[in-house]
Amino acid sequence: MTRQTLIKQTLKTLSKLPREKVQEVADFADFIFKKYDEEILQKGMEKLVSDSKTYEFLKEEEDLYTVSDLKEKY
């Protein structure tokens, strides 16, 4: 089913509901939109961080300690 068809079908169904139920659907749609918006924002931030060269130096850092440096092993 296409997006437009789903929208038309939903509007048709909403027009048959009482006002209180339409308000519930509107609140739920707003909740879903905010959740979607946060996901997009989160993915954007993750991409910025992964593409960033800020922590590149950590990949090349030499090991300062080895297992032989331990006094006790658990």
N, C-alpha and C. Protein backbone atom coordinates (compact mmCIF):
# COMPACT_ATOMS: atom_id res chain seq x y z
N MET A 1 0.84 -1.17 0.00
CA MET A 1 0.00 0.00 0.00
C MET A 1 0.89 1.24 0.00
N THR A 2 0.56 2.22 -0.79
CA THR A 2 1.38 3.42 -0.88
C THR A 2 1.14 4.32 0.34
N ARG A 3 2.06 5.25 0.51
CA ARG A 3 1.97 6.18 1.64
C ARG A 3 0.70 7.01 1.57
N GLN A 4 0.39 7.52 0.38
CA GLN A 4 -0.81 8.34 0.20
C GLN A 4 -2.09 7.54 0.48
N THR A 5 -2.12 6.29 0.07
CA THR A 5 -3.28 5.46 0.32
C THR A 5 -3.46 5.23 1.81
N LEU A 6 -2.36 4.99 2.51
CA LEU A 6 -2.43 4.80 3.96
C LEU A 6 -2.93 6.06 4.66
N ILE A 7 -2.47 7.21 4.21
CA ILE A 7 -2.91 8.48 4.80
C ILE A 7 -4.40 8.68 4.57
N LYS A 8 -4.86 8.45 3.36
CA LYS A 8 -6.29 8.61 3.04
C LYS A 8 -7.14 7.65 3.86
N GLN A 9 -6.69 6.41 3.98
CA GLN A 9 -7.44 5.40 4.75
C GLN A 9 -7.48 5.79 6.22
N THR A 10 -6.36 6.28 6.75
CA THR A 10 -6.31 6.70 8.15
C THR A 10 -7.23 7.89 8.40
N LEU A 11 -7.21 8.88 7.51
CA LEU A 11 -8.09 10.03 7.65
C LEU A 11 -9.56 9.63 7.59
N LYS A 12 -9.88 8.70 6.73
CA LYS A 12 -11.25 8.21 6.62
C LYS A 12 -11.68 7.55 7.94
N THR A 13 -10.80 6.75 8.51
CA THR A 13 -11.10 6.09 9.78
C THR A 13 -11.19 7.10 10.91
N LEU A 14 -10.30 8.07 10.93
CA LEU A 14 -10.31 9.10 11.97
C LEU A 14 -11.60 9.91 11.94
N SER A 15 -12.12 10.16 10.76
CA SER A 15 -13.35 10.96 10.65
C SER A 15 -14.55 10.25 11.28
N LYS A 16 -14.46 8.95 11.47
CA LYS A 16 -15.55 8.17 12.07
C LYS A 16 -15.44 8.07 13.59
N LEU A 17 -14.29 8.46 14.15
CA LEU A 17 -14.07 8.32 15.59
C LEU A 17 -14.56 9.56 16.35
N PRO A 18 -14.90 9.36 17.63
CA PRO A 18 -15.24 10.53 18.46
C PRO A 18 -13.99 11.37 18.74
N ARG A 19 -14.20 12.60 19.15
CA ARG A 19 -13.12 13.57 19.35
C ARG A 19 -12.05 13.04 20.31
N GLU A 20 -12.45 12.39 21.39
CA GLU A 20 -11.49 11.90 22.38
C GLU A 20 -10.53 10.86 21.78
N LYS A 21 -11.08 10.01 20.95
CA LYS A 21 -10.24 8.99 20.31
C LYS A 21 -9.31 9.61 19.27
N VAL A 22 -9.80 10.62 18.57
CA VAL A 22 -8.96 11.32 17.60
C VAL A 22 -7.80 11.99 18.32
N GLN A 23 -8.06 12.55 19.52
CA GLN A 23 -7.01 13.17 20.32
C GLN A 23 -5.96 12.13 20.73
N GLU A 24 -6.41 10.93 21.09
CA GLU A 24 -5.47 9.85 21.44
C GLU A 24 -4.57 9.52 20.26
N VAL A 25 -5.17 9.41 19.08
CA VAL A 25 -4.39 9.10 17.88
C VAL A 25 -3.41 10.22 17.59
N ALA A 26 -3.84 11.47 17.76
CA ALA A 26 -2.96 12.61 17.52
C ALA A 26 -1.79 12.61 18.50
N ASP A 27 -2.07 12.32 19.77
CA ASP A 27 -1.00 12.25 20.77
C ASP A 27 -0.02 11.13 20.44
N PHE A 28 -0.54 9.98 20.02
CA PHE A 28 0.32 8.86 19.67
C PHE A 28 1.17 9.17 18.45
N ALA A 29 0.57 9.81 17.45
CA ALA A 29 1.32 10.19 16.25
C ALA A 29 2.42 11.18 16.60
N ASP A 30 2.14 12.11 17.50
CA ASP A 30 3.15 13.07 17.96
C ASP A 30 4.28 12.35 18.68
N PHE A 31 3.94 11.36 19.51
CA PHE A 31 4.94 10.56 20.21
C PHE A 31 5.84 9.82 19.23
N ILE A 32 5.24 9.20 18.23
CA ILE A 32 6.01 8.46 17.23
C ILE A 32 6.92 9.40 16.45
N PHE A 33 6.41 10.59 16.09
CA PHE A 33 7.22 11.54 15.35
C PHE A 33 8.42 12.00 16.17
N LYS A 34 8.22 12.29 17.45
CA LYS A 34 9.32 12.73 18.31
C LYS A 34 10.36 11.62 18.45
N LYS A 35 9.91 10.39 18.60
CA LYS A 35 10.82 9.25 18.70
C LYS A 35 11.63 9.10 17.40
N TYR A 36 10.98 9.24 16.27
CA TYR A 36 11.64 9.16 14.97
C TYR A 36 12.66 10.29 14.82
N ASP A 37 12.27 11.49 15.23
CA ASP A 37 13.14 12.65 15.14
C ASP A 37 14.40 12.45 16.00
N GLU A 38 14.22 11.87 17.20
CA GLU A 38 15.36 11.60 18.06
C GLU A 38 16.29 10.55 17.46
N GLU A 39 15.72 9.53 16.80
CA GLU A 39 16.52 8.51 16.14
C GLU A 39 17.38 9.12 15.04
N ILE A 40 16.79 10.00 14.25
CA ILE A 40 17.53 10.66 13.17
C ILE A 40 18.66 11.49 13.76
N LEU A 41 18.37 12.23 14.82
CA LEU A 41 19.38 13.05 15.47
C LEU A 41 20.51 12.18 16.03
N GLN A 42 20.15 11.07 16.68
CA GLN A 42 21.14 10.16 17.25
C GLN A 42 22.04 9.58 16.17
N LYS A 43 21.44 9.14 15.07
CA LYS A 43 22.23 8.57 13.97
C LYS A 43 23.17 9.61 13.38
N GLY A 44 22.69 10.85 13.29
CA GLY A 44 23.54 11.92 12.78
C GLY A 44 24.73 12.18 13.68
N MET A 45 24.49 12.17 15.00
CA MET A 45 25.60 12.38 15.94
C MET A 45 26.58 11.22 15.89
N GLU A 46 26.07 9.99 15.79
CA GLU A 46 26.94 8.82 15.69
C GLU A 46 27.82 8.91 14.45
N LYS A 47 27.25 9.36 13.35
CA LYS A 47 28.01 9.48 12.11
C LYS A 47 29.10 10.54 12.26
N LEU A 48 28.76 11.66 12.86
CA LEU A 48 29.75 12.72 13.08
C LEU A 48 30.92 12.21 13.92
N VAL A 49 30.60 11.49 14.98
CA VAL A 49 31.65 10.98 15.86
C VAL A 49 32.50 9.93 15.16
N SER A 50 31.85 9.04 14.41
CA SER A 50 32.62 7.98 13.74
C SER A 50 33.50 8.54 12.62
N ASP A 51 33.06 9.60 11.98
CA ASP A 51 33.84 10.21 10.90
C ASP A 51 34.92 11.16 11.43
N SER A 52 34.81 11.52 12.69
CA SER A 52 35.74 12.47 13.29
C SER A 52 37.12 11.86 13.48
N LYS A 53 38.12 12.68 13.37
CA LYS A 53 39.51 12.23 13.56
C LYS A 53 40.01 12.60 14.97
N THR A 54 39.13 13.07 15.82
CA THR A 54 39.51 13.55 17.15
C THR A 54 40.23 12.49 17.97
N TYR A 55 39.73 11.26 17.96
CA TYR A 55 40.31 10.21 18.78
C TYR A 55 41.20 9.26 17.98
N GLU A 56 41.65 9.69 16.84
CA GLU A 56 42.49 8.86 15.98
C GLU A 56 43.77 8.45 16.69
N PHE A 57 44.28 9.31 17.56
CA PHE A 57 45.54 9.02 18.25
C PHE A 57 45.42 7.80 19.17
N LEU A 58 44.22 7.47 19.61
CA LEU A 58 44.05 6.32 20.49
C LEU A 58 44.29 5.00 19.76
N LYS A 59 44.06 4.97 18.49
CA LYS A 59 44.26 3.75 17.71
C LYS A 59 45.75 3.40 17.60
N GLU A 60 46.59 4.41 17.66
CA GLU A 60 48.02 4.20 17.48
C GLU A 60 48.78 4.19 18.81
N GLU A 61 48.06 4.27 19.92
CA GLU A 61 48.71 4.32 21.22
C GLU A 61 49.36 2.97 21.55
N GLU A 62 50.58 3.03 22.03
CA GLU A 62 51.28 1.80 22.38
C GLU A 62 50.77 1.27 23.71
N ASP A 63 50.91 -0.04 23.92
CA ASP A 63 50.50 -0.65 25.17
C ASP A 63 51.49 -0.26 26.26
N LEU A 64 50.96 0.32 27.33
CA LEU A 64 51.82 0.75 28.44
C LEU A 64 52.09 -0.39 29.41
N TYR A 65 51.14 -1.29 29.52
CA TYR A 65 51.28 -2.39 30.48
C TYR A 65 51.02 -3.71 29.79
N THR A 66 51.63 -4.76 30.32
CA THR A 66 51.42 -6.10 29.82
C THR A 66 50.98 -6.98 30.97
N VAL A 67 50.65 -8.22 30.67
CA VAL A 67 50.25 -9.17 31.71
C VAL A 67 51.41 -9.39 32.69
N SER A 68 52.63 -9.32 32.24
CA SER A 68 53.78 -9.53 33.13
C SER A 68 53.93 -8.42 34.17
N ASP A 69 53.26 -7.30 33.98
CA ASP A 69 53.31 -6.20 34.94
C ASP A 69 52.39 -6.46 36.14
N LEU A 70 51.48 -7.42 36.03
CA LEU A 70 50.56 -7.69 37.13
C LEU A 70 51.27 -8.31 38.32
N LYS A 71 50.88 -7.89 39.51
CA LYS A 71 51.42 -8.49 40.72
C LYS A 71 50.58 -9.70 41.13
N GLU A 72 49.25 -9.60 40.92
CA GLU A 72 48.35 -10.70 41.22
C GLU A 72 47.44 -10.91 40.02
N LYS A 73 47.17 -12.16 39.71
CA LYS A 73 46.28 -12.49 38.62
C LYS A 73 45.02 -13.11 39.20
N TYR A 74 43.88 -12.68 38.76
CA TYR A 74 42.61 -13.22 39.24
C TYR A 74 41.97 -14.07 38.21
